[in-house]
Amino acid sequence: MKLYDRGPSGNCHKVRLLLSMLGLEYEKESVDLGKEENRRPEFLRLNPRGQVPTLTDGDVTVWDSQAILVYLARRYGGEEWLPTEAVAMAEVMQWLAMSENEFLFGLARARQNKKMNGPWPWDLTSALARSGLAVINDQLEEHDWLALGRPTIADLACYPYVALAHEGEISLDDYPAVRAWMARIRALPGYVGMPGIGD
């Protein structure tokens, strides 16, 4: 198994978290976007979008962080990380949608604005980030985990950009349930850190 990866990417970190928590051995290959290694023909044959993360597992290739989480959870995690029962699966998947909307377009872009001179309007990214944080804080005031009363890929999908909120100058001071949830994730067996989050 090989993960085409970029260390500072929250989307790549989601995948690294699940690989580690599942105890799966894999080779990591760093893709330098600055050198446009993601635009090379051999990489585009794996992922025509030219993005990381991309995972190869034998003759299977999966790209997009959410798709990779789903693949790994179902192939190697049994029912634990992503159940197949319709209502339970939907409960998990709705939080994956939030990770790709409020957290990607809000938190991740706010981070890109501050760290990489991103082009997105600050008022828009920060407002979207705060609206997403309010939603998960409300959920986590009543529940330890986002879905099903246990850790699932819902938590891993949302965690990295929430934990990196400070790099986008988004404070988590008003979201105590979110901060407590982050501590629970860091305490899970197999947790791994990343630049900006740490161990």
N, C-alpha and C. Protein backbone atom coordinates (compact mmCIF):
# COMPACT_ATOMS: atom_id res chain seq x y z
N MET A 1 0.85 -1.19 0.00
CA MET A 1 0.00 0.00 0.00
C MET A 1 0.89 1.24 0.00
N LYS A 2 0.51 2.22 -0.81
CA LYS A 2 1.30 3.46 -0.90
C LYS A 2 0.37 4.65 -0.83
N LEU A 3 0.76 5.64 0.00
CA LEU A 3 0.03 6.89 0.10
C LEU A 3 0.86 7.99 -0.51
N TYR A 4 0.32 8.62 -1.52
CA TYR A 4 0.93 9.82 -2.11
C TYR A 4 0.44 10.98 -1.27
N ASP A 5 1.38 11.70 -0.69
CA ASP A 5 1.11 12.49 0.51
C ASP A 5 1.78 13.86 0.41
N ARG A 6 1.28 14.78 1.21
CA ARG A 6 1.93 16.08 1.42
C ARG A 6 1.78 16.40 2.91
N GLY A 7 2.89 16.52 3.59
CA GLY A 7 2.89 16.63 5.05
C GLY A 7 1.96 17.68 5.63
N PRO A 8 1.93 18.93 5.10
CA PRO A 8 1.09 19.97 5.70
C PRO A 8 -0.39 19.86 5.37
N SER A 9 -0.78 18.91 4.55
CA SER A 9 -2.17 18.83 4.10
C SER A 9 -3.07 18.18 5.15
N GLY A 10 -4.11 18.89 5.56
CA GLY A 10 -5.09 18.31 6.47
C GLY A 10 -5.82 17.14 5.83
N ASN A 11 -6.06 17.21 4.52
CA ASN A 11 -6.74 16.10 3.86
C ASN A 11 -5.88 14.84 3.86
N CYS A 12 -4.57 15.00 3.69
CA CYS A 12 -3.68 13.84 3.79
C CYS A 12 -3.63 13.31 5.22
N HIS A 13 -3.69 14.23 6.19
CA HIS A 13 -3.62 13.81 7.59
C HIS A 13 -4.81 12.94 7.98
N LYS A 14 -5.98 13.22 7.43
CA LYS A 14 -7.14 12.37 7.70
C LYS A 14 -6.83 10.91 7.38
N VAL A 15 -6.19 10.72 6.23
CA VAL A 15 -5.88 9.37 5.77
C VAL A 15 -4.79 8.76 6.64
N ARG A 16 -3.76 9.53 6.97
CA ARG A 16 -2.70 9.01 7.84
C ARG A 16 -3.26 8.57 9.19
N LEU A 17 -4.21 9.35 9.72
CA LEU A 17 -4.84 8.98 10.99
C LEU A 17 -5.50 7.62 10.91
N LEU A 18 -6.33 7.42 9.88
CA LEU A 18 -7.05 6.15 9.79
C LEU A 18 -6.10 4.99 9.51
N LEU A 19 -5.13 5.18 8.64
CA LEU A 19 -4.15 4.12 8.40
C LEU A 19 -3.48 3.69 9.70
N SER A 20 -3.09 4.66 10.51
CA SER A 20 -2.43 4.36 11.77
C SER A 20 -3.38 3.68 12.75
N MET A 21 -4.60 4.19 12.84
CA MET A 21 -5.55 3.62 13.79
C MET A 21 -6.01 2.23 13.40
N LEU A 22 -5.94 1.92 12.11
CA LEU A 22 -6.23 0.56 11.65
C LEU A 22 -5.01 -0.35 11.73
N GLY A 23 -3.85 0.22 12.06
CA GLY A 23 -2.63 -0.58 12.16
C GLY A 23 -2.12 -1.08 10.82
N LEU A 24 -2.38 -0.33 9.76
CA LEU A 24 -1.98 -0.76 8.42
C LEU A 24 -0.59 -0.24 8.08
N GLU A 25 0.22 -1.11 7.52
CA GLU A 25 1.54 -0.70 7.06
C GLU A 25 1.40 -0.13 5.64
N TYR A 26 2.13 0.94 5.39
CA TYR A 26 2.06 1.55 4.07
C TYR A 26 3.35 2.32 3.81
N GLU A 27 3.61 2.54 2.54
CA GLU A 27 4.73 3.37 2.11
C GLU A 27 4.18 4.76 1.85
N LYS A 28 4.93 5.77 2.28
CA LYS A 28 4.51 7.14 2.06
C LYS A 28 5.42 7.78 1.03
N GLU A 29 4.83 8.36 0.00
CA GLU A 29 5.60 9.08 -1.01
C GLU A 29 5.16 10.53 -1.04
N SER A 30 6.09 11.41 -0.69
CA SER A 30 5.78 12.83 -0.65
C SER A 30 5.70 13.38 -2.07
N VAL A 31 4.68 14.16 -2.32
CA VAL A 31 4.47 14.80 -3.62
C VAL A 31 4.68 16.30 -3.44
N ASP A 32 5.67 16.84 -4.12
CA ASP A 32 6.03 18.26 -4.01
C ASP A 32 5.18 19.05 -5.00
N LEU A 33 4.17 19.74 -4.49
CA LEU A 33 3.29 20.51 -5.36
C LEU A 33 4.01 21.72 -5.94
N GLY A 34 4.96 22.26 -5.17
CA GLY A 34 5.73 23.41 -5.65
C GLY A 34 6.53 23.09 -6.89
N LYS A 35 6.98 21.86 -6.99
CA LYS A 35 7.72 21.40 -8.17
C LYS A 35 6.79 20.76 -9.20
N GLU A 36 5.50 20.86 -8.95
CA GLU A 36 4.46 20.33 -9.84
C GLU A 36 4.62 18.83 -10.10
N GLU A 37 5.09 18.11 -9.07
CA GLU A 37 5.17 16.66 -9.21
C GLU A 37 3.78 16.04 -9.39
N ASN A 38 2.76 16.73 -8.93
CA ASN A 38 1.39 16.25 -9.09
C ASN A 38 0.87 16.42 -10.52
N ARG A 39 1.62 17.12 -11.37
CA ARG A 39 1.21 17.31 -12.77
C ARG A 39 1.97 16.39 -13.72
N ARG A 40 2.86 15.59 -13.18
CA ARG A 40 3.62 14.68 -14.04
C ARG A 40 2.70 13.59 -14.58
N PRO A 41 2.97 13.14 -15.80
CA PRO A 41 2.08 12.14 -16.42
C PRO A 41 1.89 10.89 -15.59
N GLU A 42 2.96 10.42 -14.93
CA GLU A 42 2.83 9.19 -14.15
C GLU A 42 1.91 9.38 -12.95
N PHE A 43 1.90 10.59 -12.37
CA PHE A 43 0.98 10.84 -11.26
C PHE A 43 -0.45 11.04 -11.78
N LEU A 44 -0.60 11.74 -12.89
CA LEU A 44 -1.93 11.97 -13.45
C LEU A 44 -2.59 10.68 -13.91
N ARG A 45 -1.78 9.66 -14.21
CA ARG A 45 -2.38 8.36 -14.53
C ARG A 45 -3.03 7.75 -13.29
N LEU A 46 -2.48 8.05 -12.10
CA LEU A 46 -3.08 7.58 -10.85
C LEU A 46 -4.27 8.45 -10.46
N ASN A 47 -4.12 9.74 -10.58
CA ASN A 47 -5.15 10.69 -10.16
C ASN A 47 -5.27 11.79 -11.21
N PRO A 48 -6.25 11.71 -12.07
CA PRO A 48 -6.37 12.71 -13.14
C PRO A 48 -6.64 14.12 -12.63
N ARG A 49 -7.03 14.26 -11.37
CA ARG A 49 -7.22 15.58 -10.78
C ARG A 49 -5.90 16.20 -10.33
N GLY A 50 -4.84 15.39 -10.26
CA GLY A 50 -3.54 15.90 -9.86
C GLY A 50 -3.50 16.38 -8.42
N GLN A 51 -4.17 15.66 -7.53
CA GLN A 51 -4.26 16.07 -6.13
C GLN A 51 -3.77 14.97 -5.19
N VAL A 52 -3.38 15.40 -4.01
CA VAL A 52 -3.11 14.47 -2.92
C VAL A 52 -4.20 14.69 -1.87
N PRO A 53 -4.52 13.61 -1.13
CA PRO A 53 -3.91 12.29 -1.12
C PRO A 53 -4.42 11.41 -2.26
N THR A 54 -3.58 10.45 -2.62
CA THR A 54 -3.94 9.37 -3.53
C THR A 54 -3.39 8.10 -2.90
N LEU A 55 -4.16 7.03 -2.95
CA LEU A 55 -3.77 5.77 -2.32
C LEU A 55 -3.78 4.67 -3.37
N THR A 56 -2.72 3.86 -3.36
CA THR A 56 -2.73 2.63 -4.15
C THR A 56 -2.65 1.46 -3.17
N ASP A 57 -3.45 0.45 -3.44
CA ASP A 57 -3.51 -0.75 -2.60
C ASP A 57 -3.61 -1.93 -3.55
N GLY A 58 -2.46 -2.52 -3.86
CA GLY A 58 -2.45 -3.56 -4.88
C GLY A 58 -2.84 -2.95 -6.21
N ASP A 59 -3.86 -3.50 -6.84
CA ASP A 59 -4.30 -2.98 -8.12
C ASP A 59 -5.43 -1.94 -7.99
N VAL A 60 -5.71 -1.51 -6.77
CA VAL A 60 -6.75 -0.51 -6.52
C VAL A 60 -6.10 0.85 -6.32
N THR A 61 -6.63 1.85 -6.98
CA THR A 61 -6.20 3.23 -6.78
C THR A 61 -7.42 4.05 -6.38
N VAL A 62 -7.27 4.82 -5.30
CA VAL A 62 -8.36 5.66 -4.81
C VAL A 62 -7.81 7.06 -4.59
N TRP A 63 -8.53 8.07 -5.10
CA TRP A 63 -8.14 9.45 -4.82
C TRP A 63 -9.31 10.20 -4.19
N ASP A 64 -8.99 11.28 -3.51
CA ASP A 64 -9.88 12.10 -2.69
C ASP A 64 -9.87 11.55 -1.26
N SER A 65 -9.64 12.44 -0.32
CA SER A 65 -9.50 12.00 1.08
C SER A 65 -10.74 11.30 1.60
N GLN A 66 -11.93 11.80 1.25
CA GLN A 66 -13.15 11.17 1.75
C GLN A 66 -13.31 9.77 1.17
N ALA A 67 -13.06 9.65 -0.13
CA ALA A 67 -13.17 8.34 -0.77
C ALA A 67 -12.17 7.36 -0.18
N ILE A 68 -10.97 7.83 0.12
CA ILE A 68 -9.96 6.95 0.71
C ILE A 68 -10.39 6.51 2.11
N LEU A 69 -10.94 7.43 2.90
CA LEU A 69 -11.44 7.05 4.23
C LEU A 69 -12.51 5.98 4.11
N VAL A 70 -13.43 6.16 3.19
CA VAL A 70 -14.50 5.17 3.00
C VAL A 70 -13.92 3.83 2.58
N TYR A 71 -12.99 3.86 1.64
CA TYR A 71 -12.37 2.62 1.16
C TYR A 71 -11.67 1.87 2.29
N LEU A 72 -10.82 2.57 3.03
CA LEU A 72 -10.07 1.92 4.10
C LEU A 72 -10.99 1.41 5.21
N ALA A 73 -11.98 2.24 5.56
CA ALA A 73 -12.89 1.84 6.63
C ALA A 73 -13.65 0.58 6.26
N ARG A 74 -14.15 0.52 5.04
CA ARG A 74 -14.94 -0.63 4.64
C ARG A 74 -14.07 -1.85 4.35
N ARG A 75 -12.90 -1.65 3.77
CA ARG A 75 -12.07 -2.80 3.42
C ARG A 75 -11.37 -3.39 4.64
N TYR A 76 -10.94 -2.53 5.56
CA TYR A 76 -10.09 -3.00 6.65
C TYR A 76 -10.67 -2.78 8.05
N GLY A 77 -11.75 -2.01 8.16
CA GLY A 77 -12.25 -1.65 9.48
C GLY A 77 -13.52 -2.34 9.91
N GLY A 78 -14.03 -3.25 9.11
CA GLY A 78 -15.28 -3.91 9.47
C GLY A 78 -16.40 -2.89 9.60
N GLU A 79 -17.23 -3.05 10.61
CA GLU A 79 -18.35 -2.12 10.85
C GLU A 79 -17.96 -0.97 11.77
N GLU A 80 -16.75 -1.01 12.30
CA GLU A 80 -16.38 -0.07 13.36
C GLU A 80 -16.35 1.38 12.88
N TRP A 81 -15.63 1.65 11.80
CA TRP A 81 -15.39 3.03 11.38
C TRP A 81 -16.44 3.56 10.42
N LEU A 82 -17.09 2.65 9.66
CA LEU A 82 -18.16 3.05 8.74
C LEU A 82 -19.10 1.87 8.57
N PRO A 83 -20.22 1.88 9.29
CA PRO A 83 -21.15 0.75 9.20
C PRO A 83 -21.89 0.75 7.87
N THR A 84 -22.47 -0.39 7.53
CA THR A 84 -23.20 -0.52 6.28
C THR A 84 -24.71 -0.34 6.44
N GLU A 85 -25.22 -0.39 7.67
CA GLU A 85 -26.66 -0.16 7.88
C GLU A 85 -26.98 1.27 7.44
N ALA A 86 -28.11 1.44 6.73
CA ALA A 86 -28.39 2.68 6.01
C ALA A 86 -28.40 3.91 6.92
N VAL A 87 -29.12 3.86 8.04
CA VAL A 87 -29.23 5.04 8.90
C VAL A 87 -27.89 5.37 9.54
N ALA A 88 -27.19 4.36 10.01
CA ALA A 88 -25.88 4.58 10.64
C ALA A 88 -24.88 5.13 9.63
N MET A 89 -24.88 4.58 8.41
CA MET A 89 -23.97 5.08 7.39
C MET A 89 -24.27 6.54 7.05
N ALA A 90 -25.55 6.86 6.92
CA ALA A 90 -25.94 8.24 6.61
C ALA A 90 -25.51 9.19 7.72
N GLU A 91 -25.61 8.74 8.98
CA GLU A 91 -25.20 9.59 10.10
C GLU A 91 -23.72 9.94 10.01
N VAL A 92 -22.91 8.96 9.63
CA VAL A 92 -21.48 9.23 9.45
C VAL A 92 -21.26 10.14 8.25
N MET A 93 -21.90 9.82 7.14
CA MET A 93 -21.61 10.52 5.89
C MET A 93 -22.01 12.00 5.94
N GLN A 94 -23.02 12.35 6.74
CA GLN A 94 -23.39 13.77 6.78
C GLN A 94 -22.27 14.63 7.37
N TRP A 95 -21.47 14.06 8.27
CA TRP A 95 -20.35 14.81 8.83
C TRP A 95 -19.19 14.87 7.84
N LEU A 96 -19.05 13.85 7.00
CA LEU A 96 -18.05 13.94 5.93
C LEU A 96 -18.40 15.09 4.99
N ALA A 97 -19.69 15.28 4.75
CA ALA A 97 -20.11 16.40 3.91
C ALA A 97 -19.73 17.73 4.55
N MET A 98 -19.88 17.84 5.88
CA MET A 98 -19.48 19.08 6.55
C MET A 98 -17.97 19.31 6.42
N SER A 99 -17.20 18.25 6.52
CA SER A 99 -15.75 18.41 6.41
C SER A 99 -15.36 18.93 5.04
N GLU A 100 -16.16 18.62 4.01
CA GLU A 100 -15.85 19.07 2.65
C GLU A 100 -16.55 20.38 2.29
N ASN A 101 -17.31 20.92 3.19
CA ASN A 101 -17.99 22.20 2.93
C ASN A 101 -17.51 23.25 3.93
N GLU A 102 -18.16 23.34 5.09
CA GLU A 102 -17.79 24.39 6.04
C GLU A 102 -16.32 24.34 6.44
N PHE A 103 -15.76 23.13 6.59
CA PHE A 103 -14.39 23.06 7.07
C PHE A 103 -13.36 23.24 5.96
N LEU A 104 -13.65 22.74 4.78
CA LEU A 104 -12.73 22.96 3.66
C LEU A 104 -12.81 24.40 3.19
N PHE A 105 -14.03 24.88 2.91
CA PHE A 105 -14.17 26.23 2.37
C PHE A 105 -14.06 27.31 3.44
N GLY A 106 -14.21 26.92 4.69
CA GLY A 106 -14.05 27.87 5.79
C GLY A 106 -12.69 27.76 6.45
N LEU A 107 -12.50 26.70 7.24
CA LEU A 107 -11.26 26.56 8.02
C LEU A 107 -10.02 26.39 7.15
N ALA A 108 -10.08 25.50 6.17
CA ALA A 108 -8.89 25.23 5.36
C ALA A 108 -8.50 26.46 4.54
N ARG A 109 -9.49 27.14 4.00
CA ARG A 109 -9.17 28.33 3.20
C ARG A 109 -8.72 29.49 4.07
N ALA A 110 -9.26 29.61 5.27
CA ALA A 110 -8.75 30.63 6.19
C ALA A 110 -7.28 30.37 6.49
N ARG A 111 -6.94 29.10 6.68
CA ARG A 111 -5.53 28.73 6.91
C ARG A 111 -4.67 29.07 5.71
N GLN A 112 -5.17 28.76 4.51
CA GLN A 112 -4.41 29.09 3.31
C GLN A 112 -4.24 30.60 3.16
N ASN A 113 -5.27 31.35 3.53
CA ASN A 113 -5.15 32.80 3.47
C ASN A 113 -4.00 33.30 4.34
N LYS A 114 -3.91 32.78 5.55
CA LYS A 114 -2.92 33.29 6.51
C LYS A 114 -1.53 32.72 6.27
N LYS A 115 -1.43 31.46 5.86
CA LYS A 115 -0.11 30.83 5.71
C LYS A 115 0.44 30.91 4.29
N MET A 116 -0.45 30.99 3.29
CA MET A 116 0.00 30.88 1.91
C MET A 116 -0.56 31.98 1.02
N ASN A 117 -1.02 33.07 1.64
CA ASN A 117 -1.57 34.20 0.89
C ASN A 117 -2.68 33.77 -0.07
N GLY A 118 -3.59 32.96 0.43
CA GLY A 118 -4.72 32.50 -0.38
C GLY A 118 -5.59 33.65 -0.84
N PRO A 119 -6.37 33.44 -1.90
CA PRO A 119 -7.13 34.53 -2.51
C PRO A 119 -8.56 34.73 -1.99
N TRP A 120 -8.97 33.95 -0.99
CA TRP A 120 -10.38 33.97 -0.61
C TRP A 120 -10.68 35.09 0.39
N PRO A 121 -11.84 35.71 0.30
CA PRO A 121 -12.19 36.80 1.23
C PRO A 121 -12.23 36.31 2.68
N TRP A 122 -11.54 37.03 3.55
CA TRP A 122 -11.45 36.63 4.95
C TRP A 122 -12.81 36.58 5.62
N ASP A 123 -13.67 37.57 5.34
CA ASP A 123 -14.97 37.58 6.02
C ASP A 123 -15.79 36.36 5.63
N LEU A 124 -15.67 35.90 4.40
CA LEU A 124 -16.42 34.74 3.95
C LEU A 124 -15.88 33.45 4.57
N THR A 125 -14.55 33.26 4.51
CA THR A 125 -13.98 32.01 5.04
C THR A 125 -14.17 31.93 6.55
N SER A 126 -13.95 33.02 7.25
CA SER A 126 -14.06 32.98 8.71
C SER A 126 -15.51 32.78 9.15
N ALA A 127 -16.45 33.39 8.44
CA ALA A 127 -17.87 33.20 8.80
C ALA A 127 -18.30 31.75 8.56
N LEU A 128 -17.87 31.17 7.45
CA LEU A 128 -18.20 29.79 7.15
C LEU A 128 -17.56 28.85 8.17
N ALA A 129 -16.32 29.15 8.54
CA ALA A 129 -15.63 28.34 9.55
C ALA A 129 -16.39 28.37 10.88
N ARG A 130 -16.78 29.54 11.31
CA ARG A 130 -17.46 29.66 12.60
C ARG A 130 -18.84 29.00 12.58
N SER A 131 -19.50 29.05 11.44
CA SER A 131 -20.81 28.39 11.38
C SER A 131 -20.65 26.87 11.51
N GLY A 132 -19.63 26.31 10.88
CA GLY A 132 -19.37 24.88 11.03
C GLY A 132 -18.96 24.50 12.43
N LEU A 133 -18.12 25.32 13.04
CA LEU A 133 -17.69 25.05 14.41
C LEU A 133 -18.86 25.09 15.38
N ALA A 134 -19.79 26.01 15.16
CA ALA A 134 -20.96 26.08 16.03
C ALA A 134 -21.81 24.82 15.91
N VAL A 135 -21.94 24.30 14.70
CA VAL A 135 -22.74 23.09 14.49
C VAL A 135 -22.11 21.90 15.22
N ILE A 136 -20.80 21.71 15.05
CA ILE A 136 -20.22 20.53 15.71
C ILE A 136 -20.12 20.74 17.22
N ASN A 137 -19.94 21.99 17.66
CA ASN A 137 -19.91 22.21 19.10
C ASN A 137 -21.25 21.84 19.73
N ASP A 138 -22.36 22.21 19.06
CA ASP A 138 -23.68 21.84 19.56
C ASP A 138 -23.83 20.31 19.63
N GLN A 139 -23.37 19.62 18.59
CA GLN A 139 -23.44 18.16 18.58
C GLN A 139 -22.61 17.56 19.71
N LEU A 140 -21.42 18.11 19.91
CA LEU A 140 -20.48 17.54 20.88
C LEU A 140 -20.80 17.95 22.32
N GLU A 141 -21.67 18.91 22.50
CA GLU A 141 -22.15 19.20 23.86
C GLU A 141 -23.00 18.06 24.40
N GLU A 142 -23.63 17.31 23.49
CA GLU A 142 -24.52 16.22 23.88
C GLU A 142 -23.92 14.83 23.64
N HIS A 143 -22.85 14.77 22.86
CA HIS A 143 -22.27 13.49 22.46
C HIS A 143 -20.75 13.59 22.50
N ASP A 144 -20.09 12.49 22.85
CA ASP A 144 -18.63 12.48 22.84
C ASP A 144 -18.05 12.46 21.43
N TRP A 145 -18.81 11.89 20.49
CA TRP A 145 -18.33 11.73 19.11
C TRP A 145 -19.39 12.26 18.15
N LEU A 146 -19.01 12.53 16.93
CA LEU A 146 -19.93 13.13 15.98
C LEU A 146 -21.07 12.19 15.59
N ALA A 147 -20.78 10.89 15.53
CA ALA A 147 -21.80 9.94 15.07
C ALA A 147 -21.71 8.64 15.85
N LEU A 148 -22.83 8.04 16.08
CA LEU A 148 -22.95 6.65 16.56
C LEU A 148 -22.39 6.41 17.96
N GLY A 149 -22.02 7.46 18.68
CA GLY A 149 -21.53 7.29 20.03
C GLY A 149 -20.15 6.67 20.13
N ARG A 150 -19.41 6.69 19.02
CA ARG A 150 -18.05 6.12 19.03
C ARG A 150 -17.24 6.80 17.94
N PRO A 151 -15.91 6.66 17.99
CA PRO A 151 -15.11 7.24 16.91
C PRO A 151 -15.42 6.58 15.57
N THR A 152 -15.59 7.40 14.55
CA THR A 152 -15.79 6.91 13.19
C THR A 152 -14.99 7.80 12.24
N ILE A 153 -15.09 7.50 10.96
CA ILE A 153 -14.39 8.36 10.00
C ILE A 153 -15.00 9.77 9.98
N ALA A 154 -16.19 9.95 10.54
CA ALA A 154 -16.75 11.30 10.67
C ALA A 154 -15.81 12.18 11.49
N ASP A 155 -15.32 11.65 12.60
CA ASP A 155 -14.42 12.42 13.46
C ASP A 155 -13.09 12.68 12.78
N LEU A 156 -12.55 11.66 12.12
CA LEU A 156 -11.24 11.81 11.48
C LEU A 156 -11.32 12.77 10.30
N ALA A 157 -12.44 12.77 9.59
CA ALA A 157 -12.60 13.68 8.45
C ALA A 157 -12.65 15.13 8.90
N CYS A 158 -13.29 15.40 10.03
CA CYS A 158 -13.45 16.78 10.50
C CYS A 158 -12.25 17.28 11.31
N TYR A 159 -11.53 16.37 11.93
CA TYR A 159 -10.51 16.77 12.91
C TYR A 159 -9.39 17.66 12.38
N PRO A 160 -8.69 17.30 11.29
CA PRO A 160 -7.46 18.05 10.97
C PRO A 160 -7.66 19.55 10.82
N TYR A 161 -8.62 19.98 10.01
CA TYR A 161 -8.75 21.42 9.81
C TYR A 161 -9.32 22.13 11.02
N VAL A 162 -10.09 21.43 11.85
CA VAL A 162 -10.51 22.02 13.12
C VAL A 162 -9.28 22.22 14.01
N ALA A 163 -8.44 21.20 14.10
CA ALA A 163 -7.25 21.30 14.95
C ALA A 163 -6.25 22.32 14.43
N LEU A 164 -6.32 22.63 13.14
CA LEU A 164 -5.42 23.62 12.53
C LEU A 164 -6.07 25.00 12.47
N ALA A 165 -7.21 25.19 13.11
CA ALA A 165 -7.93 26.46 13.03
C ALA A 165 -7.06 27.64 13.42
N HIS A 166 -6.18 27.45 14.42
CA HIS A 166 -5.32 28.55 14.87
C HIS A 166 -4.42 29.07 13.75
N GLU A 167 -4.07 28.19 12.80
CA GLU A 167 -3.21 28.64 11.70
C GLU A 167 -3.98 29.54 10.73
N GLY A 168 -5.29 29.49 10.79
CA GLY A 168 -6.12 30.41 10.02
C GLY A 168 -6.63 31.57 10.86
N GLU A 169 -6.07 31.70 12.07
CA GLU A 169 -6.46 32.74 13.03
C GLU A 169 -7.94 32.67 13.39
N ILE A 170 -8.44 31.42 13.47
CA ILE A 170 -9.79 31.17 13.94
C ILE A 170 -9.67 30.59 15.36
N SER A 171 -10.18 31.30 16.33
CA SER A 171 -10.07 30.87 17.72
C SER A 171 -11.11 29.80 18.04
N LEU A 172 -10.70 28.83 18.85
CA LEU A 172 -11.63 27.81 19.34
C LEU A 172 -12.11 28.10 20.76
N ASP A 173 -11.82 29.30 21.26
CA ASP A 173 -12.17 29.64 22.63
C ASP A 173 -13.67 29.53 22.90
N ASP A 174 -14.48 29.81 21.90
CA ASP A 174 -15.93 29.79 22.09
C ASP A 174 -16.53 28.41 21.86
N TYR A 175 -15.70 27.40 21.69
CA TYR A 175 -16.19 26.06 21.34
C TYR A 175 -15.58 25.02 22.28
N PRO A 176 -15.95 25.05 23.57
CA PRO A 176 -15.32 24.15 24.54
C PRO A 176 -15.58 22.68 24.25
N ALA A 177 -16.75 22.34 23.72
CA ALA A 177 -17.03 20.94 23.42
C ALA A 177 -16.14 20.44 22.28
N VAL A 178 -15.82 21.33 21.34
CA VAL A 178 -14.90 20.97 20.26
C VAL A 178 -13.50 20.72 20.81
N ARG A 179 -13.05 21.56 21.71
CA ARG A 179 -11.71 21.38 22.28
C ARG A 179 -11.63 20.06 23.06
N ALA A 180 -12.68 19.71 23.79
CA ALA A 180 -12.69 18.44 24.53
C ALA A 180 -12.68 17.26 23.57
N TRP A 181 -13.41 17.36 22.47
CA TRP A 181 -13.44 16.31 21.44
C TRP A 181 -12.05 16.12 20.81
N MET A 182 -11.37 17.23 20.56
CA MET A 182 -10.02 17.13 20.00
C MET A 182 -9.10 16.36 20.94
N ALA A 183 -9.23 16.60 22.22
CA ALA A 183 -8.41 15.87 23.20
C ALA A 183 -8.76 14.38 23.18
N ARG A 184 -10.03 14.04 23.01
CA ARG A 184 -10.40 12.63 22.92
C ARG A 184 -9.80 11.98 21.68
N ILE A 185 -9.78 12.69 20.58
CA ILE A 185 -9.17 12.14 19.37
C ILE A 185 -7.68 11.90 19.58
N ARG A 186 -7.01 12.87 20.18
CA ARG A 186 -5.56 12.71 20.42
C ARG A 186 -5.25 11.55 21.35
N ALA A 187 -6.23 11.14 22.15
CA ALA A 187 -6.03 10.02 23.08
C ALA A 187 -6.34 8.66 22.45
N LEU A 188 -6.84 8.64 21.23
CA LEU A 188 -7.18 7.36 20.60
C LEU A 188 -5.92 6.56 20.29
N PRO A 189 -5.97 5.24 20.43
CA PRO A 189 -4.82 4.40 20.04
C PRO A 189 -4.49 4.59 18.56
N GLY A 190 -3.22 4.80 18.29
CA GLY A 190 -2.78 4.98 16.91
C GLY A 190 -2.78 6.41 16.44
N TYR A 191 -3.16 7.36 17.30
CA TYR A 191 -3.16 8.76 16.90
C TYR A 191 -1.77 9.18 16.45
N VAL A 192 -1.70 9.95 15.36
CA VAL A 192 -0.46 10.55 14.91
C VAL A 192 -0.70 12.04 14.68
N GLY A 193 0.31 12.83 14.97
CA GLY A 193 0.21 14.27 14.77
C GLY A 193 0.67 14.68 13.39
N MET A 194 0.70 15.98 13.17
CA MET A 194 1.19 16.54 11.91
C MET A 194 1.70 17.93 12.19
N PRO A 195 2.45 18.54 11.29
CA PRO A 195 2.90 19.92 11.50
C PRO A 195 1.73 20.86 11.78
N GLY A 196 1.84 21.62 12.86
CA GLY A 196 0.77 22.54 13.24
C GLY A 196 -0.17 21.98 14.29
N ILE A 197 -0.21 20.66 14.41
CA ILE A 197 -1.05 20.02 15.43
C ILE A 197 -0.18 19.39 16.48
N GLY A 198 0.88 18.70 16.07
CA GLY A 198 1.78 18.04 17.01
C GLY A 198 1.21 16.74 17.51
N ASP A 199 1.88 16.16 18.49
CA ASP A 199 1.49 14.86 19.02
C ASP A 199 0.49 15.04 20.14
